[in-house]
């Protein structure tokens, strides 16, 4: 069995003038009309977007009027789309949601881990404080699911069941945005115990393009999509955290895109309509790195080169983005030893 079937060499690391390591990957970029603009590997590769699905998992809550019913702010909606790093600010927003909705910490079924933010973990250890589910990077998504259950008058104890109305609504929303039937989605279980679905990269890229450019969707969904993208771009720190790719990318792009990473080397990017030229359509990008990209070095390189190819060179070369744009490899003495580069140039179809 070819474990790299559907992938192609995407990112190379060099040393001494030769290629030392290769990250295989696959990518699809699609506009809101469904036109495939760019692909690496097989654009129909079926894989799990993991946490890149979170903005879509929030759609039914927004469509059913949950924002208005509970008086949710954009900041609170943003963390429902997040893989946050567990800072005290993130916990503050989560507690606000729970107070408004009438939820308890014990309602969360995402599990517990130490904050991803290292400084927060350090300060907690100094205080002798143990983490709880608020610190879990998926607690915002779970709070959104619980909020939808409250809104619909559904049970809270089994909100992660595939047969629960919350999950049925999410499955319908995800499949509809992807242009697929619900039964075509391949179900799995995410790291936080919530259902997650696999679909072709090209289908998820289309869903992302529609999310940022929903003009051809029904009015209720248009409004929901715009509320979600507005919240994410207004509060990028809630979507991830200080220094994280999604947060810094949205900060430097100033409302021109949304970004949402997922585990095992997945990345969503949605370019807003009009961001490239006055009449440019929304573009959705779905990227998967075959080896899971645990250091995110391959994802970071692809994102930089992709954004440059779209005309955002100044943003990628800015001081704000410098920590995530490191094409030169250096050792611990700062000596240049090689580079991180794409295996082939990015070329969009006209």
C-alpha atoms as a PDB file:
ATOM      1  CA  UNK A   1       0.000   0.000   0.000  1.00  0.00           C
ATOM      2  CA  UNK A   2       1.335   3.423  -0.989  1.00  0.00           C
ATOM      3  CA  UNK A   3       1.027   5.530   2.177  1.00  0.00           C
ATOM      4  CA  UNK A   4       1.679   8.694   0.142  1.00  0.00           C
ATOM      5  CA  UNK A   5      -1.029   8.024  -2.454  1.00  0.00           C
ATOM      6  CA  UNK A   6      -2.733  11.302  -3.293  1.00  0.00           C
ATOM      7  CA  UNK A   7       0.167  13.397  -1.965  1.00  0.00           C
ATOM      8  CA  UNK A   8       3.187  14.874  -3.722  1.00  0.00           C
ATOM      9  CA  UNK A   9       6.470  16.404  -2.515  1.00  0.00           C
ATOM     10  CA  UNK A  10       5.420  19.805  -1.236  1.00  0.00           C
ATOM     11  CA  UNK A  11       8.061  21.268   1.106  1.00  0.00           C
ATOM     12  CA  UNK A  12      11.812  20.539   1.046  1.00  0.00           C
ATOM     13  CA  UNK A  13      14.479  21.147   3.679  1.00  0.00           C
ATOM     14  CA  UNK A  14      18.030  21.462   2.417  1.00  0.00           C
ATOM     15  CA  UNK A  15      21.481  21.091   3.969  1.00  0.00           C
ATOM     16  CA  UNK A  16      24.801  21.530   2.186  1.00  0.00           C
ATOM     17  CA  UNK A  17      23.026  22.259  -1.077  1.00  0.00           C
ATOM     18  CA  UNK A  18      21.061  18.997  -1.218  1.00  0.00           C
ATOM     19  CA  UNK A  19      17.529  18.057  -0.135  1.00  0.00           C
ATOM     20  CA  UNK A  20      17.697  16.386   3.270  1.00  0.00           C
ATOM     21  CA  UNK A  21      13.987  16.078   4.159  1.00  0.00           C
ATOM     22  CA  UNK A  22      10.684  16.253   2.290  1.00  0.00           C
ATOM     23  CA  UNK A  23       7.156  16.908   3.531  1.00  0.00           C
ATOM     24  CA  UNK A  24       4.546  15.385   1.216  1.00  0.00           C
ATOM     25  CA  UNK A  25       1.239  17.195   1.005  1.00  0.00           C
ATOM     26  CA  UNK A  26      -1.930  17.905  -0.935  1.00  0.00           C
ATOM     27  CA  UNK A  27      -3.737  21.188  -1.480  1.00  0.00           C
ATOM     28  CA  UNK A  28      -6.825  22.465  -3.242  1.00  0.00           C
ATOM     29  CA  UNK A  29      -7.808  26.094  -3.811  1.00  0.00           C
ATOM     30  CA  UNK A  30     -11.322  26.747  -5.099  1.00  0.00           C
ATOM     31  CA  UNK A  31     -13.303  29.923  -5.721  1.00  0.00           C
ATOM     32  CA  UNK A  32     -16.878  30.438  -4.562  1.00  0.00           C
ATOM     33  CA  UNK A  33     -18.177  29.347  -7.987  1.00  0.00           C
ATOM     34  CA  UNK A  34     -16.469  25.983  -7.490  1.00  0.00           C
ATOM     35  CA  UNK A  35     -13.617  26.543  -9.951  1.00  0.00           C
ATOM     36  CA  UNK A  36     -10.412  24.720  -9.021  1.00  0.00           C
ATOM     37  CA  UNK A  37      -7.684  27.367  -9.085  1.00  0.00           C
ATOM     38  CA  UNK A  38      -4.731  25.409  -7.750  1.00  0.00           C
ATOM     39  CA  UNK A  39      -3.898  21.886  -6.655  1.00  0.00           C
ATOM     40  CA  UNK A  40      -0.960  19.924  -5.329  1.00  0.00           C
ATOM     41  CA  UNK A  41      -1.381  16.191  -5.186  1.00  0.00           C
ATOM     42  CA  UNK A  42      -4.932  14.858  -5.557  1.00  0.00           C
ATOM     43  CA  UNK A  43      -7.519  17.603  -4.947  1.00  0.00           C
ATOM     44  CA  UNK A  44     -10.064  14.859  -4.247  1.00  0.00           C
ATOM     45  CA  UNK A  45      -7.963  13.282  -1.504  1.00  0.00           C
ATOM     46  CA  UNK A  46     -10.358  12.335   1.303  1.00  0.00           C
ATOM     47  CA  UNK A  47      -9.115  13.337   4.750  1.00  0.00           C
ATOM     48  CA  UNK A  48     -10.330  14.765   8.067  1.00  0.00           C
ATOM     49  CA  UNK A  49     -10.149  18.566   8.458  1.00  0.00           C
ATOM     50  CA  UNK A  50     -10.148  18.059  12.237  1.00  0.00           C
ATOM     51  CA  UNK A  51     -10.374  21.464  13.975  1.00  0.00           C
ATOM     52  CA  UNK A  52     -10.526  23.287  10.651  1.00  0.00           C
ATOM     53  CA  UNK A  53     -14.196  22.248  10.729  1.00  0.00           C
ATOM     54  CA  UNK A  54     -14.978  24.443  13.750  1.00  0.00           C
ATOM     55  CA  UNK A  55     -16.388  27.490  11.919  1.00  0.00           C
ATOM     56  CA  UNK A  56     -18.820  25.143  10.157  1.00  0.00           C
ATOM     57  CA  UNK A  57     -19.756  23.384  13.391  1.00  0.00           C
ATOM     58  CA  UNK A  58     -20.880  26.778  14.697  1.00  0.00           C
ATOM     59  CA  UNK A  59     -23.139  27.460  11.694  1.00  0.00           C
ATOM     60  CA  UNK A  60     -26.355  25.782  12.971  1.00  0.00           C
ATOM     61  CA  UNK A  61     -26.235  27.657  16.282  1.00  0.00           C
ATOM     62  CA  UNK A  62     -25.979  30.982  14.451  1.00  0.00           C
ATOM     63  CA  UNK A  63     -28.611  30.036  11.857  1.00  0.00           C
ATOM     64  CA  UNK A  64     -31.092  29.078  14.592  1.00  0.00           C
ATOM     65  CA  UNK A  65     -30.729  32.482  16.253  1.00  0.00           C
ATOM     66  CA  UNK A  66     -28.484  31.444  19.132  1.00  0.00           C
ATOM     67  CA  UNK A  67     -26.424  34.631  19.012  1.00  0.00           C
ATOM     68  CA  UNK A  68     -29.498  36.789  19.554  1.00  0.00           C
ATOM     69  CA  UNK A  69     -31.243  34.420  21.971  1.00  0.00           C
ATOM     70  CA  UNK A  70     -28.345  34.433  24.427  1.00  0.00           C
ATOM     71  CA  UNK A  71     -26.876  37.859  23.640  1.00  0.00           C
ATOM     72  CA  UNK A  72     -23.573  36.398  22.473  1.00  0.00           C
ATOM     73  CA  UNK A  73     -20.823  38.799  21.442  1.00  0.00           C
ATOM     74  CA  UNK A  74     -18.506  38.465  18.445  1.00  0.00           C
ATOM     75  CA  UNK A  75     -15.723  37.613  20.885  1.00  0.00           C
ATOM     76  CA  UNK A  76     -17.781  34.733  22.277  1.00  0.00           C
ATOM     77  CA  UNK A  77     -18.716  33.504  18.800  1.00  0.00           C
ATOM     78  CA  UNK A  78     -15.055  33.619  17.761  1.00  0.00           C
ATOM     79  CA  UNK A  79     -13.989  31.272  20.562  1.00  0.00           C
ATOM     80  CA  UNK A  80     -16.693  28.823  19.480  1.00  0.00           C
ATOM     81  CA  UNK A  81     -14.732  28.560  16.197  1.00  0.00           C
ATOM     82  CA  UNK A  82     -11.409  28.252  17.997  1.00  0.00           C
ATOM     83  CA  UNK A  83      -8.554  25.985  18.932  1.00  0.00           C
ATOM     84  CA  UNK A  84      -7.541  28.383  21.680  1.00  0.00           C
ATOM     85  CA  UNK A  85      -4.362  28.184  23.730  1.00  0.00           C
ATOM     86  CA  UNK A  86      -6.012  28.233  27.143  1.00  0.00           C
ATOM     87  CA  UNK A  87      -4.994  31.682  28.368  1.00  0.00           C
ATOM     88  CA  UNK A  88      -6.819  33.459  31.182  1.00  0.00           C
ATOM     89  CA  UNK A  89      -8.469  35.670  28.545  1.00  0.00           C
ATOM     90  CA  UNK A  90      -9.855  32.606  26.793  1.00  0.00           C
ATOM     91  CA  UNK A  91     -11.216  31.275  30.078  1.00  0.00           C
ATOM     92  CA  UNK A  92     -12.825  34.652  30.816  1.00  0.00           C
ATOM     93  CA  UNK A  93     -14.766  34.518  27.545  1.00  0.00           C
ATOM     94  CA  UNK A  94     -15.779  30.885  28.044  1.00  0.00           C
ATOM     95  CA  UNK A  95     -17.102  31.615  31.522  1.00  0.00           C
ATOM     96  CA  UNK A  96     -19.140  34.492  30.095  1.00  0.00           C
ATOM     97  CA  UNK A  97     -20.753  32.135  27.580  1.00  0.00           C
ATOM     98  CA  UNK A  98     -21.573  29.606  30.280  1.00  0.00           C
ATOM     99  CA  UNK A  99     -23.108  32.256  32.503  1.00  0.00           C
ATOM    100  CA  UNK A 100     -25.314  33.632  29.700  1.00  0.00           C
ATOM    101  CA  UNK A 101     -26.460  30.197  28.527  1.00  0.00           C
ATOM    102  CA  UNK A 102     -26.758  28.527  31.924  1.00  0.00           C
ATOM    103  CA  UNK A 103     -24.027  25.926  31.436  1.00  0.00           C
ATOM    104  CA  UNK A 104     -21.759  24.265  33.996  1.00  0.00           C
ATOM    105  CA  UNK A 105     -18.094  23.393  33.662  1.00  0.00           C
ATOM    106  CA  UNK A 106     -19.105  19.764  34.200  1.00  0.00           C
ATOM    107  CA  UNK A 107     -21.249  19.891  31.032  1.00  0.00           C
ATOM    108  CA  UNK A 108     -18.103  20.027  28.874  1.00  0.00           C
ATOM    109  CA  UNK A 109     -17.088  16.611  27.506  1.00  0.00           C
ATOM    110  CA  UNK A 110     -13.901  17.696  25.718  1.00  0.00           C
ATOM    111  CA  UNK A 111     -11.548  16.415  28.406  1.00  0.00           C
ATOM    112  CA  UNK A 112      -8.695  18.211  30.180  1.00  0.00           C
ATOM    113  CA  UNK A 113      -5.125  19.158  29.235  1.00  0.00           C
ATOM    114  CA  UNK A 114      -2.637  21.842  30.248  1.00  0.00           C
ATOM    115  CA  UNK A 115      -2.880  25.097  28.263  1.00  0.00           C
ATOM    116  CA  UNK A 116      -1.029  25.204  24.962  1.00  0.00           C
ATOM    117  CA  UNK A 117       0.191  28.673  25.951  1.00  0.00           C
ATOM    118  CA  UNK A 118       3.448  27.993  27.787  1.00  0.00           C
ATOM    119  CA  UNK A 119       3.386  31.141  29.920  1.00  0.00           C
ATOM    120  CA  UNK A 120      -0.125  30.340  31.139  1.00  0.00           C
ATOM    121  CA  UNK A 121       0.929  26.806  32.049  1.00  0.00           C
ATOM    122  CA  UNK A 122       3.958  28.152  33.904  1.00  0.00           C
ATOM    123  CA  UNK A 123       1.894  30.648  35.892  1.00  0.00           C
ATOM    124  CA  UNK A 124      -0.681  27.980  36.750  1.00  0.00           C
ATOM    125  CA  UNK A 125       2.032  25.672  38.063  1.00  0.00           C
ATOM    126  CA  UNK A 126       3.467  28.527  40.125  1.00  0.00           C
ATOM    127  CA  UNK A 127       0.013  29.058  41.647  1.00  0.00           C
ATOM    128  CA  UNK A 128      -0.442  25.340  42.191  1.00  0.00           C
ATOM    129  CA  UNK A 129      -3.493  25.420  39.937  1.00  0.00           C
ATOM    130  CA  UNK A 130      -4.587  22.303  38.019  1.00  0.00           C
ATOM    131  CA  UNK A 131      -6.196  22.664  34.573  1.00  0.00           C
ATOM    132  CA  UNK A 132      -9.868  22.012  33.943  1.00  0.00           C
ATOM    133  CA  UNK A 133     -11.922  21.687  30.762  1.00  0.00           C
ATOM    134  CA  UNK A 134     -12.002  25.448  30.186  1.00  0.00           C
ATOM    135  CA  UNK A 135      -8.281  25.207  29.342  1.00  0.00           C
ATOM    136  CA  UNK A 136      -8.880  22.530  26.666  1.00  0.00           C
ATOM    137  CA  UNK A 137      -8.293  23.962  23.207  1.00  0.00           C
ATOM    138  CA  UNK A 138     -11.685  22.697  21.994  1.00  0.00           C
ATOM    139  CA  UNK A 139     -13.777  23.971  24.908  1.00  0.00           C
ATOM    140  CA  UNK A 140     -15.112  26.839  22.781  1.00  0.00           C
ATOM    141  CA  UNK A 141     -16.476  24.462  20.166  1.00  0.00           C
ATOM    142  CA  UNK A 142     -18.030  22.289  22.862  1.00  0.00           C
ATOM    143  CA  UNK A 143     -19.557  25.345  24.503  1.00  0.00           C
ATOM    144  CA  UNK A 144     -21.102  26.186  21.131  1.00  0.00           C
ATOM    145  CA  UNK A 145     -22.570  22.701  20.796  1.00  0.00           C
ATOM    146  CA  UNK A 146     -23.987  22.874  24.319  1.00  0.00           C
ATOM    147  CA  UNK A 147     -25.418  26.310  23.567  1.00  0.00           C
ATOM    148  CA  UNK A 148     -27.178  24.915  20.514  1.00  0.00           C
ATOM    149  CA  UNK A 149     -28.571  22.063  22.638  1.00  0.00           C
ATOM    150  CA  UNK A 150     -29.898  24.598  25.173  1.00  0.00           C
ATOM    151  CA  UNK A 151     -31.404  26.697  22.379  1.00  0.00           C
ATOM    152  CA  UNK A 152     -33.243  23.680  20.937  1.00  0.00           C
ATOM    153  CA  UNK A 153     -34.314  22.294  24.300  1.00  0.00           C
ATOM    154  CA  UNK A 154     -32.235  19.152  23.755  1.00  0.00           C
ATOM    155  CA  UNK A 155     -30.382  17.052  26.329  1.00  0.00           C
ATOM    156  CA  UNK A 156     -26.859  18.054  27.342  1.00  0.00           C
ATOM    157  CA  UNK A 157     -25.528  14.704  28.548  1.00  0.00           C
ATOM    158  CA  UNK A 158     -25.296  13.124  25.062  1.00  0.00           C
ATOM    159  CA  UNK A 159     -24.612  16.180  22.894  1.00  0.00           C
ATOM    160  CA  UNK A 160     -21.683  14.368  21.207  1.00  0.00           C
ATOM    161  CA  UNK A 161     -23.796  11.448  19.984  1.00  0.00           C
ATOM    162  CA  UNK A 162     -24.136  11.203  16.203  1.00  0.00           C
ATOM    163  CA  UNK A 163     -27.888  10.817  16.724  1.00  0.00           C
ATOM    164  CA  UNK A 164     -28.208  14.004  18.803  1.00  0.00           C
ATOM    165  CA  UNK A 165     -30.041  16.837  17.034  1.00  0.00           C
ATOM    166  CA  UNK A 166     -27.023  19.116  17.487  1.00  0.00           C
ATOM    167  CA  UNK A 167     -24.789  16.708  15.569  1.00  0.00           C
ATOM    168  CA  UNK A 168     -27.461  16.081  12.930  1.00  0.00           C
ATOM    169  CA  UNK A 169     -27.675  19.837  12.333  1.00  0.00           C
ATOM    170  CA  UNK A 170     -23.894  20.104  12.076  1.00  0.00           C
ATOM    171  CA  UNK A 171     -23.690  17.177   9.650  1.00  0.00           C
ATOM    172  CA  UNK A 172     -26.326  18.800   7.429  1.00  0.00           C
ATOM    173  CA  UNK A 173     -24.573  22.164   7.489  1.00  0.00           C
ATOM    174  CA  UNK A 174     -21.121  20.734   6.745  1.00  0.00           C
ATOM    175  CA  UNK A 175     -22.345  18.522   3.893  1.00  0.00           C
ATOM    176  CA  UNK A 176     -24.417  21.324   2.375  1.00  0.00           C
ATOM    177  CA  UNK A 177     -21.504  23.752   2.411  1.00  0.00           C
ATOM    178  CA  UNK A 178     -19.292  21.066   0.805  1.00  0.00           C
ATOM    179  CA  UNK A 179     -21.868  20.349  -1.919  1.00  0.00           C
ATOM    180  CA  UNK A 180     -22.258  16.773  -0.687  1.00  0.00           C
ATOM    181  CA  UNK A 181     -24.980  14.562   0.760  1.00  0.00           C
ATOM    182  CA  UNK A 182     -24.740  13.938   4.531  1.00  0.00           C
ATOM    183  CA  UNK A 183     -24.281  10.195   4.017  1.00  0.00           C
ATOM    184  CA  UNK A 184     -21.199  10.871   1.854  1.00  0.00           C
ATOM    185  CA  UNK A 185     -19.315  12.312   4.844  1.00  0.00           C
ATOM    186  CA  UNK A 186     -17.112   9.734   6.570  1.00  0.00           C
ATOM    187  CA  UNK A 187     -17.565   9.991  10.350  1.00  0.00           C
ATOM    188  CA  UNK A 188     -14.738   9.762  12.856  1.00  0.00           C
ATOM    189  CA  UNK A 189     -14.050  10.834  16.434  1.00  0.00           C
ATOM    190  CA  UNK A 190     -11.894  13.916  17.047  1.00  0.00           C
ATOM    191  CA  UNK A 191      -9.287  14.258  19.783  1.00  0.00           C
ATOM    192  CA  UNK A 192     -11.848  16.105  21.919  1.00  0.00           C
ATOM    193  CA  UNK A 193     -14.397  13.260  21.484  1.00  0.00           C
ATOM    194  CA  UNK A 194     -16.682  15.253  19.150  1.00  0.00           C
ATOM    195  CA  UNK A 195     -17.734  13.820  15.777  1.00  0.00           C
ATOM    196  CA  UNK A 196     -15.583  14.881  12.848  1.00  0.00           C
ATOM    197  CA  UNK A 197     -16.023  14.105   9.157  1.00  0.00           C
ATOM    198  CA  UNK A 198     -13.739  13.340   6.229  1.00  0.00           C
ATOM    199  CA  UNK A 199     -14.369  14.715   2.762  1.00  0.00           C
ATOM    200  CA  UNK A 200     -12.335  15.541  -0.383  1.00  0.00           C
ATOM    201  CA  UNK A 201      -9.976  18.504  -0.077  1.00  0.00           C
ATOM    202  CA  UNK A 202     -11.679  20.185  -3.026  1.00  0.00           C
ATOM    203  CA  UNK A 203     -15.081  19.884  -1.335  1.00  0.00           C
ATOM    204  CA  UNK A 204     -13.838  21.433   1.900  1.00  0.00           C
ATOM    205  CA  UNK A 205     -12.102  24.196  -0.055  1.00  0.00           C
ATOM    206  CA  UNK A 206     -15.460  24.933  -1.718  1.00  0.00           C
ATOM    207  CA  UNK A 207     -17.147  25.045   1.690  1.00  0.00           C
ATOM    208  CA  UNK A 208     -14.515  27.550   2.832  1.00  0.00           C
ATOM    209  CA  UNK A 209     -14.969  29.705  -0.270  1.00  0.00           C
ATOM    210  CA  UNK A 210     -18.725  29.739   0.362  1.00  0.00           C
ATOM    211  CA  UNK A 211     -18.180  30.611   4.020  1.00  0.00           C
ATOM    212  CA  UNK A 212     -16.250  33.774   3.131  1.00  0.00           C
ATOM    213  CA  UNK A 213     -18.307  34.558   0.008  1.00  0.00           C
ATOM    214  CA  UNK A 214     -21.857  33.293   0.708  1.00  0.00           C
ATOM    215  CA  UNK A 215     -23.760  35.446  -1.789  1.00  0.00           C
ATOM    216  CA  UNK A 216     -25.260  32.426  -3.606  1.00  0.00           C
ATOM    217  CA  UNK A 217     -26.506  30.732  -0.435  1.00  0.00           C
ATOM    218  CA  UNK A 218     -29.960  31.156   1.101  1.00  0.00           C
ATOM    219  CA  UNK A 219     -30.361  34.335   3.116  1.00  0.00           C
ATOM    220  CA  UNK A 220     -30.324  32.745   6.579  1.00  0.00           C
ATOM    221  CA  UNK A 221     -27.062  30.961   5.844  1.00  0.00           C
ATOM    222  CA  UNK A 222     -25.561  34.066   4.256  1.00  0.00           C
ATOM    223  CA  UNK A 223     -26.169  35.968   7.472  1.00  0.00           C
ATOM    224  CA  UNK A 224     -24.735  33.152   9.599  1.00  0.00           C
ATOM    225  CA  UNK A 225     -21.595  32.892   7.461  1.00  0.00           C
ATOM    226  CA  UNK A 226     -21.009  36.631   7.675  1.00  0.00           C
ATOM    227  CA  UNK A 227     -21.453  36.669  11.447  1.00  0.00           C
ATOM    228  CA  UNK A 228     -18.884  33.890  11.840  1.00  0.00           C
ATOM    229  CA  UNK A 229     -16.262  35.410   9.545  1.00  0.00           C
ATOM    230  CA  UNK A 230     -16.813  38.831  11.122  1.00  0.00           C
ATOM    231  CA  UNK A 231     -16.250  37.390  14.590  1.00  0.00           C
ATOM    232  CA  UNK A 232     -13.113  35.504  13.571  1.00  0.00           C
ATOM    233  CA  UNK A 233     -11.509  38.494  11.854  1.00  0.00           C
ATOM    234  CA  UNK A 234     -12.493  40.881  14.662  1.00  0.00           C
ATOM    235  CA  UNK A 235     -11.089  38.645  17.416  1.00  0.00           C
ATOM    236  CA  UNK A 236      -8.237  36.585  15.935  1.00  0.00           C
ATOM    237  CA  UNK A 237      -6.682  36.104  19.374  1.00  0.00           C
ATOM    238  CA  UNK A 238      -9.785  34.149  20.420  1.00  0.00           C
ATOM    239  CA  UNK A 239      -9.443  31.799  17.419  1.00  0.00           C
ATOM    240  CA  UNK A 240      -5.999  30.619  18.524  1.00  0.00           C
ATOM    241  CA  UNK A 241      -3.687  32.709  20.687  1.00  0.00           C
ATOM    242  CA  UNK A 242      -0.596  34.924  20.862  1.00  0.00           C
ATOM    243  CA  UNK A 243       2.059  33.969  18.312  1.00  0.00           C
ATOM    244  CA  UNK A 244      -0.041  31.223  16.724  1.00  0.00           C
ATOM    245  CA  UNK A 245      -0.315  30.984  12.940  1.00  0.00           C
ATOM    246  CA  UNK A 246      -4.080  31.527  12.663  1.00  0.00           C
ATOM    247  CA  UNK A 247      -4.046  34.531  14.976  1.00  0.00           C
ATOM    248  CA  UNK A 248      -0.982  36.256  13.502  1.00  0.00           C
ATOM    249  CA  UNK A 249      -2.100  35.618   9.914  1.00  0.00           C
ATOM    250  CA  UNK A 250      -5.510  37.161  10.539  1.00  0.00           C
ATOM    251  CA  UNK A 251      -3.939  40.081  12.412  1.00  0.00           C
ATOM    252  CA  UNK A 252      -1.516  40.916   9.620  1.00  0.00           C
ATOM    253  CA  UNK A 253      -4.153  40.490   6.890  1.00  0.00           C
ATOM    254  CA  UNK A 254      -6.584  42.892   8.594  1.00  0.00           C
ATOM    255  CA  UNK A 255      -9.917  41.335   7.676  1.00  0.00           C
ATOM    256  CA  UNK A 256      -8.910  39.987   4.263  1.00  0.00           C
ATOM    257  CA  UNK A 257      -9.024  36.329   5.289  1.00  0.00           C
ATOM    258  CA  UNK A 258      -9.906  33.770   7.906  1.00  0.00           C
ATOM    259  CA  UNK A 259      -7.553  30.972   8.967  1.00  0.00           C
ATOM    260  CA  UNK A 260      -8.216  27.839  10.986  1.00  0.00           C
ATOM    261  CA  UNK A 261      -5.732  25.033  11.496  1.00  0.00           C
ATOM    262  CA  UNK A 262      -6.498  21.432  12.349  1.00  0.00           C
ATOM    263  CA  UNK A 263      -4.548  18.582  13.877  1.00  0.00           C
ATOM    264  CA  UNK A 264      -2.343  16.272  11.787  1.00  0.00           C
ATOM    265  CA  UNK A 265      -1.262  18.921   9.315  1.00  0.00           C
ATOM    266  CA  UNK A 266      -4.576  20.380   8.137  1.00  0.00           C
ATOM    267  CA  UNK A 267      -5.094  24.078   7.376  1.00  0.00           C
ATOM    268  CA  UNK A 268      -8.063  26.121   6.171  1.00  0.00           C
ATOM    269  CA  UNK A 269      -7.658  29.568   4.648  1.00  0.00           C
ATOM    270  CA  UNK A 270     -10.552  31.611   3.291  1.00  0.00           C
ATOM    271  CA  UNK A 271      -9.731  34.703   1.222  1.00  0.00           C
ATOM    272  CA  UNK A 272     -12.524  37.276   1.434  1.00  0.00           C
ATOM    273  CA  UNK A 273     -14.138  38.522  -1.802  1.00  0.00           C
ATOM    274  CA  UNK A 274     -12.531  41.737  -2.984  1.00  0.00           C
ATOM    275  CA  UNK A 275      -9.336  41.092  -1.012  1.00  0.00           C
ATOM    276  CA  UNK A 276      -7.145  40.493  -4.077  1.00  0.00           C
ATOM    277  CA  UNK A 277      -8.844  42.798  -6.587  1.00  0.00           C
ATOM    278  CA  UNK A 278     -12.011  44.841  -6.377  1.00  0.00           C
ATOM    279  CA  UNK A 279     -14.052  42.108  -8.067  1.00  0.00           C
ATOM    280  CA  UNK A 280     -12.192  38.988  -6.930  1.00  0.00           C
ATOM    281  CA  UNK A 281     -14.325  36.119  -5.650  1.00  0.00           C
ATOM    282  CA  UNK A 282     -13.883  34.425  -2.323  1.00  0.00           C
ATOM    283  CA  UNK A 283     -11.305  31.650  -2.343  1.00  0.00           C
ATOM    284  CA  UNK A 284     -11.128  28.606  -0.115  1.00  0.00           C
ATOM    285  CA  UNK A 285      -7.885  26.707   0.491  1.00  0.00           C
ATOM    286  CA  UNK A 286      -7.651  23.264   2.090  1.00  0.00           C
ATOM    287  CA  UNK A 287      -4.152  21.990   2.860  1.00  0.00           C
ATOM    288  CA  UNK A 288      -3.081  18.639   4.303  1.00  0.00           C
ATOM    289  CA  UNK A 289       0.510  17.688   5.166  1.00  0.00           C
ATOM    290  CA  UNK A 290       0.900  13.902   4.979  1.00  0.00           C
ATOM    291  CA  UNK A 291       3.141  13.402   8.015  1.00  0.00           C
ATOM    292  CA  UNK A 292       0.971  15.539  10.313  1.00  0.00           C
ATOM    293  CA  UNK A 293       3.552  18.372  10.355  1.00  0.00           C
ATOM    294  CA  UNK A 294       4.009  18.383  14.152  1.00  0.00           C
ATOM    295  CA  UNK A 295       6.229  21.503  14.166  1.00  0.00           C
ATOM    296  CA  UNK A 296       4.027  23.287  11.583  1.00  0.00           C
ATOM    297  CA  UNK A 297       7.127  24.190   9.570  1.00  0.00           C
ATOM    298  CA  UNK A 298       5.698  22.844   6.299  1.00  0.00           C
ATOM    299  CA  UNK A 299       2.332  24.536   6.824  1.00  0.00           C
ATOM    300  CA  UNK A 300       4.002  27.856   7.600  1.00  0.00           C
ATOM    301  CA  UNK A 301       6.094  27.725   4.433  1.00  0.00           C
ATOM    302  CA  UNK A 302       3.119  26.843   2.229  1.00  0.00           C
ATOM    303  CA  UNK A 303       1.020  29.625   3.743  1.00  0.00           C
ATOM    304  CA  UNK A 304       3.737  32.233   3.151  1.00  0.00           C
ATOM    305  CA  UNK A 305       4.321  31.225  -0.471  1.00  0.00           C
ATOM    306  CA  UNK A 306       0.592  30.918  -1.128  1.00  0.00           C
ATOM    307  CA  UNK A 307      -0.056  34.415   0.198  1.00  0.00           C
ATOM    308  CA  UNK A 308       2.826  35.838  -1.806  1.00  0.00           C
ATOM    309  CA  UNK A 309       1.420  34.236  -4.957  1.00  0.00           C
ATOM    310  CA  UNK A 310      -1.911  35.932  -4.236  1.00  0.00           C
ATOM    311  CA  UNK A 311      -0.230  39.338  -4.028  1.00  0.00           C
ATOM    312  CA  UNK A 312       0.318  39.717  -0.278  1.00  0.00           C
ATOM    313  CA  UNK A 313       4.125  39.780  -0.264  1.00  0.00           C
ATOM    314  CA  UNK A 314       4.337  42.908   1.900  1.00  0.00           C
ATOM    315  CA  UNK A 315       2.230  41.323   4.635  1.00  0.00           C
ATOM    316  CA  UNK A 316       4.287  38.141   4.608  1.00  0.00           C
ATOM    317  CA  UNK A 317       7.564  40.062   4.786  1.00  0.00           C
ATOM    318  CA  UNK A 318       6.378  42.425   7.528  1.00  0.00           C
ATOM    319  CA  UNK A 319       7.896  42.500  10.988  1.00  0.00           C
ATOM    320  CA  UNK A 320       4.568  41.312  12.415  1.00  0.00           C
ATOM    321  CA  UNK A 321       4.784  38.063  10.456  1.00  0.00           C
ATOM    322  CA  UNK A 322       8.557  37.551  10.748  1.00  0.00           C
ATOM    323  CA  UNK A 323       8.402  34.754  13.325  1.00  0.00           C
ATOM    324  CA  UNK A 324       6.270  32.655  10.954  1.00  0.00           C
ATOM    325  CA  UNK A 325       8.305  33.441   7.839  1.00  0.00           C
ATOM    326  CA  UNK A 326      11.665  31.738   8.382  1.00  0.00           C
ATOM    327  CA  UNK A 327      12.866  30.280   5.053  1.00  0.00           C
ATOM    328  CA  UNK A 328      16.488  30.087   6.247  1.00  0.00           C
ATOM    329  CA  UNK A 329      17.462  27.181   8.508  1.00  0.00           C
ATOM    330  CA  UNK A 330      19.983  28.024  11.228  1.00  0.00           C
ATOM    331  CA  UNK A 331      21.602  25.963  13.954  1.00  0.00           C
ATOM    332  CA  UNK A 332      21.769  26.917  17.633  1.00  0.00           C
ATOM    333  CA  UNK A 333      24.740  29.226  16.952  1.00  0.00           C
ATOM    334  CA  UNK A 334      22.793  31.092  14.302  1.00  0.00           C
ATOM    335  CA  UNK A 335      24.838  29.675  11.427  1.00  0.00           C
ATOM    336  CA  UNK A 336      22.912  29.285   8.152  1.00  0.00           C
ATOM    337  CA  UNK A 337      22.751  25.597   7.279  1.00  0.00           C
ATOM    338  CA  UNK A 338      19.984  25.351   4.664  1.00  0.00           C
ATOM    339  CA  UNK A 339      16.499  26.481   3.712  1.00  0.00           C
ATOM    340  CA  UNK A 340      12.830  25.527   3.813  1.00  0.00           C
ATOM    341  CA  UNK A 341      11.306  25.815   0.339  1.00  0.00           C
ATOM    342  CA  UNK A 342       8.457  24.582  -1.815  1.00  0.00           C
ATOM    343  CA  UNK A 343       9.225  21.622  -4.044  1.00  0.00           C
ATOM    344  CA  UNK A 344       7.641  23.480  -6.962  1.00  0.00           C
ATOM    345  CA  UNK A 345       6.341  27.029  -7.419  1.00  0.00           C
ATOM    346  CA  UNK A 346       2.729  27.964  -6.774  1.00  0.00           C
ATOM    347  CA  UNK A 347       0.887  28.768 -10.005  1.00  0.00           C
ATOM    348  CA  UNK A 348      -2.789  29.715  -9.961  1.00  0.00           C
ATOM    349  CA  UNK A 349      -4.935  29.089 -13.020  1.00  0.00           C
ATOM    350  CA  UNK A 350      -6.329  32.220 -14.619  1.00  0.00           C
END
